[in-house]
Amino acid sequence: MLTYFYSLFWECLCCLQQKLQQHKAAAAAKQQQQQRQQNSSNRTAAAQQQQQQRQQQQQQEQQQQQQQQKKQQQQQQQHQQQRCWGIN
């Protein structure tokens, strides 16, 4: 009778160890998946930030070009006015 309970105890213990290992493996797999998702999110965020920086840089360049064009137009208008009034 005692050997029966003893073997039952070890069988139960063995079963618990298997379940614990399965739980650990599942938790590790879940953690790896979360890490992959986080890495992917980080890459996406970095790409979006780079794109925003490029867009801002393009906007700044366009503004500089517009300012340059305005200056040129003003200079041309001044020259035309000076010619009209005979001022060299």
PDB file of N, CA and C in Angstrom:
ATOM      1  N   MET A   1       0.827  -1.198   0.000  1.00  0.00           N
ATOM      2  CA  MET A   1       0.000   0.000   0.000  1.00  0.00           C
ATOM      3  C   MET A   1       0.867   1.255   0.000  1.00  0.00           C
ATOM      4  N   LEU A   2       1.906   1.200   0.823  1.00  0.00           N
ATOM      5  CA  LEU A   2       2.794   2.354   0.924  1.00  0.00           C
ATOM      6  C   LEU A   2       3.499   2.599  -0.411  1.00  0.00           C
ATOM      7  N   THR A   3       3.936   1.542  -1.092  1.00  0.00           N
ATOM      8  CA  THR A   3       4.610   1.702  -2.382  1.00  0.00           C
ATOM      9  C   THR A   3       3.654   2.283  -3.433  1.00  0.00           C
ATOM     10  N   TYR A   4       2.365   1.952  -3.304  1.00  0.00           N
ATOM     11  CA  TYR A   4       1.392   2.490  -4.248  1.00  0.00           C
ATOM     12  C   TYR A   4       1.304   4.013  -4.110  1.00  0.00           C
ATOM     13  N   PHE A   5       1.177   4.469  -2.858  1.00  0.00           N
ATOM     14  CA  PHE A   5       1.116   5.923  -2.632  1.00  0.00           C
ATOM     15  C   PHE A   5       2.425   6.598  -3.016  1.00  0.00           C
ATOM     16  N   TYR A   6       3.511   5.911  -2.748  1.00  0.00           N
ATOM     17  CA  TYR A   6       4.828   6.457  -3.081  1.00  0.00           C
ATOM     18  C   TYR A   6       4.953   6.639  -4.600  1.00  0.00           C
ATOM     19  N   SER A   7       4.558   5.622  -5.354  1.00  0.00           N
ATOM     20  CA  SER A   7       4.638   5.725  -6.815  1.00  0.00           C
ATOM     21  C   SER A   7       3.634   6.765  -7.337  1.00  0.00           C
ATOM     22  N   LEU A   8       2.478   6.847  -6.700  1.00  0.00           N
ATOM     23  CA  LEU A   8       1.482   7.845  -7.091  1.00  0.00           C
ATOM     24  C   LEU A   8       2.023   9.262  -6.850  1.00  0.00           C
ATOM     25  N   PHE A   9       2.683   9.427  -5.714  1.00  0.00           N
ATOM     26  CA  PHE A   9       3.277  10.720  -5.377  1.00  0.00           C
ATOM     27  C   PHE A   9       4.305  11.130  -6.436  1.00  0.00           C
ATOM     28  N   TRP A  10       5.191  10.224  -6.826  1.00  0.00           N
ATOM     29  CA  TRP A  10       6.223  10.542  -7.809  1.00  0.00           C
ATOM     30  C   TRP A  10       5.620  10.800  -9.190  1.00  0.00           C
ATOM     31  N   GLU A  11       4.575  10.051  -9.492  1.00  0.00           N
ATOM     32  CA  GLU A  11       3.889  10.254 -10.774  1.00  0.00           C
ATOM     33  C   GLU A  11       3.277  11.659 -10.814  1.00  0.00           C
ATOM     34  N   CYS A  12       2.661  12.040  -9.725  1.00  0.00           N
ATOM     35  CA  CYS A  12       2.042  13.358  -9.618  1.00  0.00           C
ATOM     36  C   CYS A  12       3.110  14.443  -9.709  1.00  0.00           C
ATOM     37  N   LEU A  13       4.219  14.223  -9.007  1.00  0.00           N
ATOM     38  CA  LEU A  13       5.320  15.187  -9.021  1.00  0.00           C
ATOM     39  C   LEU A  13       5.881  15.337 -10.436  1.00  0.00           C
ATOM     40  N   CYS A  14       6.022  14.218 -11.104  1.00  0.00           N
ATOM     41  CA  CYS A  14       6.530  14.220 -12.473  1.00  0.00           C
ATOM     42  C   CYS A  14       5.578  15.014 -13.379  1.00  0.00           C
ATOM     43  N   CYS A  15       4.277  14.791 -13.197  1.00  0.00           N
ATOM     44  CA  CYS A  15       3.268  15.484 -13.993  1.00  0.00           C
ATOM     45  C   CYS A  15       3.347  16.997 -13.733  1.00  0.00           C
ATOM     46  N   LEU A  16       3.497  17.372 -12.490  1.00  0.00           N
ATOM     47  CA  LEU A  16       3.602  18.789 -12.138  1.00  0.00           C
ATOM     48  C   LEU A  16       4.838  19.426 -12.777  1.00  0.00           C
ATOM     49  N   GLN A  17       5.955  18.692 -12.769  1.00  0.00           N
ATOM     50  CA  GLN A  17       7.183  19.218 -13.387  1.00  0.00           C
ATOM     51  C   GLN A  17       6.975  19.445 -14.891  1.00  0.00           C
ATOM     52  N   GLN A  18       6.302  18.516 -15.539  1.00  0.00           N
ATOM     53  CA  GLN A  18       6.028  18.661 -16.970  1.00  0.00           C
ATOM     54  C   GLN A  18       5.160  19.887 -17.237  1.00  0.00           C
ATOM     55  N   LYS A  19       4.128  20.047 -16.400  1.00  0.00           N
ATOM     56  CA  LYS A  19       3.240  21.200 -16.580  1.00  0.00           C
ATOM     57  C   LYS A  19       4.001  22.502 -16.341  1.00  0.00           C
ATOM     58  N   LEU A  20       4.870  22.513 -15.355  1.00  0.00           N
ATOM     59  CA  LEU A  20       5.664  23.703 -15.058  1.00  0.00           C
ATOM     60  C   LEU A  20       6.577  24.040 -16.236  1.00  0.00           C
ATOM     61  N   GLN A  21       7.208  23.020 -16.804  1.00  0.00           N
ATOM     62  CA  GLN A  21       8.095  23.254 -17.950  1.00  0.00           C
ATOM     63  C   GLN A  21       7.305  23.757 -19.158  1.00  0.00           C
ATOM     64  N   GLN A  22       6.119  23.202 -19.363  1.00  0.00           N
ATOM     65  CA  GLN A  22       5.272  23.668 -20.466  1.00  0.00           C
ATOM     66  C   GLN A  22       4.889  25.131 -20.259  1.00  0.00           C
ATOM     67  N   HIS A  23       4.573  25.455 -19.005  1.00  0.00           N
ATOM     68  CA  HIS A  23       4.196  26.836 -18.678  1.00  0.00           C
ATOM     69  C   HIS A  23       5.378  27.776 -18.914  1.00  0.00           C
ATOM     70  N   LYS A  24       6.563  27.348 -18.500  1.00  0.00           N
ATOM     71  CA  LYS A  24       7.769  28.169 -18.708  1.00  0.00           C
ATOM     72  C   LYS A  24       8.036  28.373 -20.191  1.00  0.00           C
ATOM     73  N   ALA A  25       7.889  27.294 -20.968  1.00  0.00           N
ATOM     74  CA  ALA A  25       8.130  27.388 -22.406  1.00  0.00           C
ATOM     75  C   ALA A  25       7.113  28.330 -23.064  1.00  0.00           C
ATOM     76  N   ALA A  26       5.857  28.234 -22.642  1.00  0.00           N
ATOM     77  CA  ALA A  26       4.828  29.113 -23.196  1.00  0.00           C
ATOM     78  C   ALA A  26       5.107  30.571 -22.827  1.00  0.00           C
ATOM     79  N   ALA A  27       5.531  30.797 -21.586  1.00  0.00           N
ATOM     80  CA  ALA A  27       5.834  32.164 -21.148  1.00  0.00           C
ATOM     81  C   ALA A  27       7.028  32.726 -21.925  1.00  0.00           C
ATOM     82  N   ALA A  28       8.040  31.896 -22.151  1.00  0.00           N
ATOM     83  CA  ALA A  28       9.214  32.340 -22.909  1.00  0.00           C
ATOM     84  C   ALA A  28       8.837  32.668 -24.352  1.00  0.00           C
ATOM     85  N   ALA A  29       7.989  31.826 -24.949  1.00  0.00           N
ATOM     86  CA  ALA A  29       7.545  32.073 -26.325  1.00  0.00           C
ATOM     87  C   ALA A  29       6.750  33.371 -26.404  1.00  0.00           C
ATOM     88  N   LYS A  30       5.890  33.602 -25.411  1.00  0.00           N
ATOM     89  CA  LYS A  30       5.092  34.824 -25.386  1.00  0.00           C
ATOM     90  C   LYS A  30       5.999  36.051 -25.240  1.00  0.00           C
ATOM     91  N   GLN A  31       7.003  35.931 -24.382  1.00  0.00           N
ATOM     92  CA  GLN A  31       7.937  37.045 -24.173  1.00  0.00           C
ATOM     93  C   GLN A  31       8.722  37.338 -25.460  1.00  0.00           C
ATOM     94  N   GLN A  32       9.140  36.291 -26.150  1.00  0.00           N
ATOM     95  CA  GLN A  32       9.859  36.494 -27.415  1.00  0.00           C
ATOM     96  C   GLN A  32       8.962  37.181 -28.443  1.00  0.00           C
ATOM     97  N   GLN A  33       7.707  36.759 -28.495  1.00  0.00           N
ATOM     98  CA  GLN A  33       6.755  37.371 -29.431  1.00  0.00           C
ATOM     99  C   GLN A  33       6.567  38.852 -29.104  1.00  0.00           C
ATOM    100  N   GLN A  34       6.417  39.161 -27.818  1.00  0.00           N
ATOM    101  CA  GLN A  34       6.248  40.552 -27.398  1.00  0.00           C
ATOM    102  C   GLN A  34       7.495  41.366 -27.754  1.00  0.00           C
ATOM    103  N   GLN A  35       8.676  40.757 -27.572  1.00  0.00           N
ATOM    104  CA  GLN A  35       9.921  41.448 -27.894  1.00  0.00           C
ATOM    105  C   GLN A  35      10.006  41.735 -29.401  1.00  0.00           C
ATOM    106  N   ARG A  36       9.597  40.739 -30.205  1.00  0.00           N
ATOM    107  CA  ARG A  36       9.597  40.949 -31.664  1.00  0.00           C
ATOM    108  C   ARG A  36       8.634  42.069 -32.054  1.00  0.00           C
ATOM    109  N   GLN A  37       7.452  42.063 -31.417  1.00  0.00           N
ATOM    110  CA  GLN A  37       6.485  43.120 -31.711  1.00  0.00           C
ATOM    111  C   GLN A  37       7.027  44.485 -31.300  1.00  0.00           C
ATOM    112  N   GLN A  38       7.696  44.532 -30.149  1.00  0.00           N
ATOM    113  CA  GLN A  38       8.261  45.797 -29.669  1.00  0.00           C
ATOM    114  C   GLN A  38       9.348  46.285 -30.622  1.00  0.00           C
ATOM    115  N   ASN A  39      10.201  45.357 -31.061  1.00  0.00           N
ATOM    116  CA  ASN A  39      11.253  45.716 -32.010  1.00  0.00           C
ATOM    117  C   ASN A  39      10.645  46.250 -33.305  1.00  0.00           C
ATOM    118  N   SER A  40       9.607  45.583 -33.760  1.00  0.00           N
ATOM    119  CA  SER A  40       8.934  46.015 -34.981  1.00  0.00           C
ATOM    120  C   SER A  40       8.328  47.402 -34.791  1.00  0.00           C
ATOM    121  N   SER A  41       7.698  47.621 -33.646  1.00  0.00           N
ATOM    122  CA  SER A  41       7.106  48.930 -33.357  1.00  0.00           C
ATOM    123  C   SER A  41       8.179  50.001 -33.302  1.00  0.00           C
ATOM    124  N   ASN A  42       9.314  49.660 -32.688  1.00  0.00           N
ATOM    125  CA  ASN A  42      10.417  50.622 -32.599  1.00  0.00           C
ATOM    126  C   ASN A  42      10.935  50.981 -33.984  1.00  0.00           C
ATOM    127  N   ARG A  43      11.068  49.964 -34.852  1.00  0.00           N
ATOM    128  CA  ARG A  43      11.544  50.227 -36.215  1.00  0.00           C
ATOM    129  C   ARG A  43      10.550  51.106 -36.969  1.00  0.00           C
ATOM    130  N   THR A  44       9.253  50.805 -36.783  1.00  0.00           N
ATOM    131  CA  THR A  44       8.219  51.595 -37.455  1.00  0.00           C
ATOM    132  C   THR A  44       8.261  53.041 -36.972  1.00  0.00           C
ATOM    133  N   ALA A  45       8.375  53.215 -35.657  1.00  0.00           N
ATOM    134  CA  ALA A  45       8.426  54.572 -35.099  1.00  0.00           C
ATOM    135  C   ALA A  45       9.658  55.319 -35.599  1.00  0.00           C
ATOM    136  N   ALA A  46      10.787  54.625 -35.665  1.00  0.00           N
ATOM    137  CA  ALA A  46      12.019  55.266 -36.149  1.00  0.00           C
ATOM    138  C   ALA A  46      11.873  55.669 -37.617  1.00  0.00           C
ATOM    139  N   ALA A  47      11.260  54.804 -38.405  1.00  0.00           N
ATOM    140  CA  ALA A  47      11.060  55.118 -39.824  1.00  0.00           C
ATOM    141  C   ALA A  47      10.125  56.317 -39.978  1.00  0.00           C
ATOM    142  N   GLN A  48       9.069  56.355 -39.161  1.00  0.00           N
ATOM    143  CA  GLN A  48       8.136  57.483 -39.231  1.00  0.00           C
ATOM    144  C   GLN A  48       8.830  58.783 -38.832  1.00  0.00           C
ATOM    145  N   GLN A  49       9.673  58.693 -37.814  1.00  0.00           N
ATOM    146  CA  GLN A  49      10.391  59.890 -37.363  1.00  0.00           C
ATOM    147  C   GLN A  49      11.342  60.385 -38.453  1.00  0.00           C
ATOM    148  N   GLN A  50      12.033  59.464 -39.100  1.00  0.00           N
ATOM    149  CA  GLN A  50      12.931  59.852 -40.186  1.00  0.00           C
ATOM    150  C   GLN A  50      12.148  60.497 -41.321  1.00  0.00           C
ATOM    151  N   GLN A  51      10.990  59.937 -41.615  1.00  0.00           N
ATOM    152  CA  GLN A  51      10.164  60.489 -42.691  1.00  0.00           C
ATOM    153  C   GLN A  51       9.705  61.905 -42.329  1.00  0.00           C
ATOM    154  N   GLN A  52       9.311  62.103 -41.080  1.00  0.00           N
ATOM    155  CA  GLN A  52       8.895  63.436 -40.638  1.00  0.00           C
ATOM    156  C   GLN A  52      10.053  64.426 -40.744  1.00  0.00           C
ATOM    157  N   GLN A  53      11.250  63.983 -40.359  1.00  0.00           N
ATOM    158  CA  GLN A  53      12.411  64.852 -40.447  1.00  0.00           C
ATOM    159  C   GLN A  53      12.699  65.221 -41.897  1.00  0.00           C
ATOM    160  N   ARG A  54      12.578  64.242 -42.802  1.00  0.00           N
ATOM    161  CA  ARG A  54      12.792  64.529 -44.219  1.00  0.00           C
ATOM    162  C   ARG A  54      11.760  65.529 -44.733  1.00  0.00           C
ATOM    163  N   GLN A  55      10.505  65.341 -44.311  1.00  0.00           N
ATOM    164  CA  GLN A  55       9.451  66.257 -44.750  1.00  0.00           C
ATOM    165  C   GLN A  55       9.711  67.670 -44.230  1.00  0.00           C
ATOM    166  N   GLN A  56      10.132  67.770 -42.969  1.00  0.00           N
ATOM    167  CA  GLN A  56      10.434  69.083 -42.402  1.00  0.00           C
ATOM    168  C   GLN A  56      11.589  69.737 -43.159  1.00  0.00           C
ATOM    169  N   GLN A  57      12.591  68.953 -43.483  1.00  0.00           N
ATOM    170  CA  GLN A  57      13.733  69.478 -44.217  1.00  0.00           C
ATOM    171  C   GLN A  57      13.287  69.966 -45.607  1.00  0.00           C
ATOM    172  N   GLN A  58      12.425  69.195 -46.263  1.00  0.00           N
ATOM    173  CA  GLN A  58      11.920  69.600 -47.569  1.00  0.00           C
ATOM    174  C   GLN A  58      11.118  70.897 -47.461  1.00  0.00           C
ATOM    175  N   GLN A  59      10.307  71.003 -46.420  1.00  0.00           N
ATOM    176  CA  GLN A  59       9.524  72.220 -46.223  1.00  0.00           C
ATOM    177  C   GLN A  59      10.441  73.428 -46.015  1.00  0.00           C
ATOM    178  N   GLN A  60      11.487  73.235 -45.213  1.00  0.00           N
ATOM    179  CA  GLN A  60      12.435  74.326 -44.977  1.00  0.00           C
ATOM    180  C   GLN A  60      13.116  74.732 -46.281  1.00  0.00           C
ATOM    181  N   GLU A  61      13.496  73.755 -47.072  1.00  0.00           N
ATOM    182  CA  GLU A  61      14.135  74.055 -48.358  1.00  0.00           C
ATOM    183  C   GLU A  61      13.177  74.811 -49.268  1.00  0.00           C
ATOM    184  N   GLN A  62      11.914  74.385 -49.283  1.00  0.00           N
ATOM    185  CA  GLN A  62      10.926  75.073 -50.113  1.00  0.00           C
ATOM    186  C   GLN A  62      10.732  76.515 -49.641  1.00  0.00           C
ATOM    187  N   GLN A  63      10.687  76.708 -48.325  1.00  0.00           N
ATOM    188  CA  GLN A  63      10.525  78.063 -47.794  1.00  0.00           C
ATOM    189  C   GLN A  63      11.728  78.934 -48.179  1.00  0.00           C
ATOM    190  N   GLN A  64      12.920  78.360 -48.092  1.00  0.00           N
ATOM    191  CA  GLN A  64      14.111  79.115 -48.476  1.00  0.00           C
ATOM    192  C   GLN A  64      14.061  79.484 -49.952  1.00  0.00           C
ATOM    193  N   GLN A  65      13.633  78.553 -50.781  1.00  0.00           N
ATOM    194  CA  GLN A  65      13.518  78.829 -52.208  1.00  0.00           C
ATOM    195  C   GLN A  65      12.499  79.929 -52.465  1.00  0.00           C
ATOM    196  N   GLN A  66      11.386  79.866 -51.770  1.00  0.00           N
ATOM    197  CA  GLN A  66      10.352  80.890 -51.939  1.00  0.00           C
ATOM    198  C   GLN A  66      10.876  82.259 -51.517  1.00  0.00           C
ATOM    199  N   GLN A  67      11.599  82.299 -50.403  1.00  0.00           N
ATOM    200  CA  GLN A  67      12.160  83.563 -49.943  1.00  0.00           C
ATOM    201  C   GLN A  67      13.156  84.106 -50.964  1.00  0.00           C
ATOM    202  N   GLN A  68      13.960  83.220 -51.509  1.00  0.00           N
ATOM    203  CA  GLN A  68      14.939  83.615 -52.526  1.00  0.00           C
ATOM    204  C   GLN A  68      14.229  84.166 -53.759  1.00  0.00           C
ATOM    205  N   GLN A  69      13.166  83.500 -54.169  1.00  0.00           N
ATOM    206  CA  GLN A  69      12.404  83.961 -55.329  1.00  0.00           C
ATOM    207  C   GLN A  69      11.781  85.324 -55.064  1.00  0.00           C
ATOM    208  N   LYS A  70      11.273  85.537 -53.842  1.00  0.00           N
ATOM    209  CA  LYS A  70      10.693  86.836 -53.500  1.00  0.00           C
ATOM    210  C   LYS A  70      11.751  87.927 -53.575  1.00  0.00           C
ATOM    211  N   LYS A  71      12.929  87.630 -53.061  1.00  0.00           N
ATOM    212  CA  LYS A  71      14.019  88.615 -53.111  1.00  0.00           C
ATOM    213  C   LYS A  71      14.354  88.961 -54.557  1.00  0.00           C
ATOM    214  N   GLN A  72      14.449  87.929 -55.378  1.00  0.00           N
ATOM    215  CA  GLN A  72      14.774  88.161 -56.783  1.00  0.00           C
ATOM    216  C   GLN A  72      13.686  88.997 -57.461  1.00  0.00           C
ATOM    217  N   GLN A  73      12.429  88.698 -57.166  1.00  0.00           N
ATOM    218  CA  GLN A  73      11.326  89.457 -57.748  1.00  0.00           C
ATOM    219  C   GLN A  73      11.387  90.916 -57.304  1.00  0.00           C
ATOM    220  N   GLN A  74      11.662  91.126 -56.011  1.00  0.00           N
ATOM    221  CA  GLN A  74      11.758  92.493 -55.500  1.00  0.00           C
ATOM    222  C   GLN A  74      12.896  93.247 -56.184  1.00  0.00           C
ATOM    223  N   GLN A  75      14.033  92.577 -56.356  1.00  0.00           N
ATOM    224  CA  GLN A  75      15.167  93.216 -57.018  1.00  0.00           C
ATOM    225  C   GLN A  75      14.828  93.550 -58.466  1.00  0.00           C
ATOM    226  N   GLN A  76      14.144  92.632 -59.127  1.00  0.00           N
ATOM    227  CA  GLN A  76      13.752  92.888 -60.513  1.00  0.00           C
ATOM    228  C   GLN A  76      12.787  94.059 -60.587  1.00  0.00           C
ATOM    229  N   GLN A  77      11.841  94.113 -59.664  1.00  0.00           N
ATOM    230  CA  GLN A  77      10.886  95.228 -59.647  1.00  0.00           C
ATOM    231  C   GLN A  77      11.603  96.546 -59.398  1.00  0.00           C
ATOM    232  N   GLN A  78      12.573  96.534 -58.497  1.00  0.00           N
ATOM    233  CA  GLN A  78      13.334  97.761 -58.217  1.00  0.00           C
ATOM    234  C   GLN A  78      14.096  98.203 -59.450  1.00  0.00           C
ATOM    235  N   HIS A  79      14.702  97.269 -60.149  1.00  0.00           N
ATOM    236  CA  HIS A  79      15.439  97.604 -61.367  1.00  0.00           C
ATOM    237  C   HIS A  79      14.508  98.190 -62.416  1.00  0.00           C
ATOM    238  N   GLN A  80      13.330  97.572 -62.545  1.00  0.00           N
ATOM    239  CA  GLN A  80      12.364  98.062 -63.535  1.00  0.00           C
ATOM    240  C   GLN A  80      11.901  99.472 -63.170  1.00  0.00           C
ATOM    241  N   GLN A  81      11.635  99.695 -61.883  1.00  0.00           N
ATOM    242  CA  GLN A  81      11.203 101.013 -61.445  1.00  0.00           C
ATOM    243  C   GLN A  81      12.314 102.039 -61.696  1.00  0.00           C
ATOM    244  N   GLN A  82      13.544 101.631 -61.394  1.00  0.00           N
ATOM    245  CA  GLN A  82      14.662 102.546 -61.596  1.00  0.00           C
ATOM    246  C   GLN A  82      14.812 102.886 -63.084  1.00  0.00           C
ATOM    247  N   ARG A  83      14.605 101.896 -63.941  1.00  0.00           N
ATOM    248  CA  ARG A  83      14.693 102.144 -65.385  1.00  0.00           C
ATOM    249  C   ARG A  83      13.581 103.103 -65.826  1.00  0.00           C
ATOM    250  N   CYS A  84      12.375 102.844 -65.271  1.00  0.00           N
ATOM    251  CA  CYS A  84      11.247 103.701 -65.637  1.00  0.00           C
ATOM    252  C   CYS A  84      11.521 105.151 -65.255  1.00  0.00           C
ATOM    253  N   TRP A  85      12.127 105.323 -64.088  1.00  0.00           N
ATOM    254  CA  TRP A  85      12.394 106.680 -63.610  1.00  0.00           C
ATOM    255  C   TRP A  85      13.748 107.183 -64.100  1.00  0.00           C
ATOM    256  N   GLY A  86      14.431 106.365 -64.836  1.00  0.00           N
ATOM    257  CA  GLY A  86      15.719 106.779 -65.380  1.00  0.00           C
ATOM    258  C   GLY A  86      16.828 106.789 -64.355  1.00  0.00           C
ATOM    259  N   ILE A  87      16.671 105.971 -63.305  1.00  0.00           N
ATOM    260  CA  ILE A  87      17.711 105.897 -62.263  1.00  0.00           C
ATOM    261  C   ILE A  87      18.533 104.657 -62.536  1.00  0.00           C
ATOM    262  N   ASN A  88      19.852 104.828 -62.583  1.00  0.00           N
ATOM    263  CA  ASN A  88      20.710 103.671 -62.847  1.00  0.00           C
ATOM    264  C   ASN A  88      21.403 103.231 -61.574  1.00  0.00           C
TER     265      ASN A  88
END
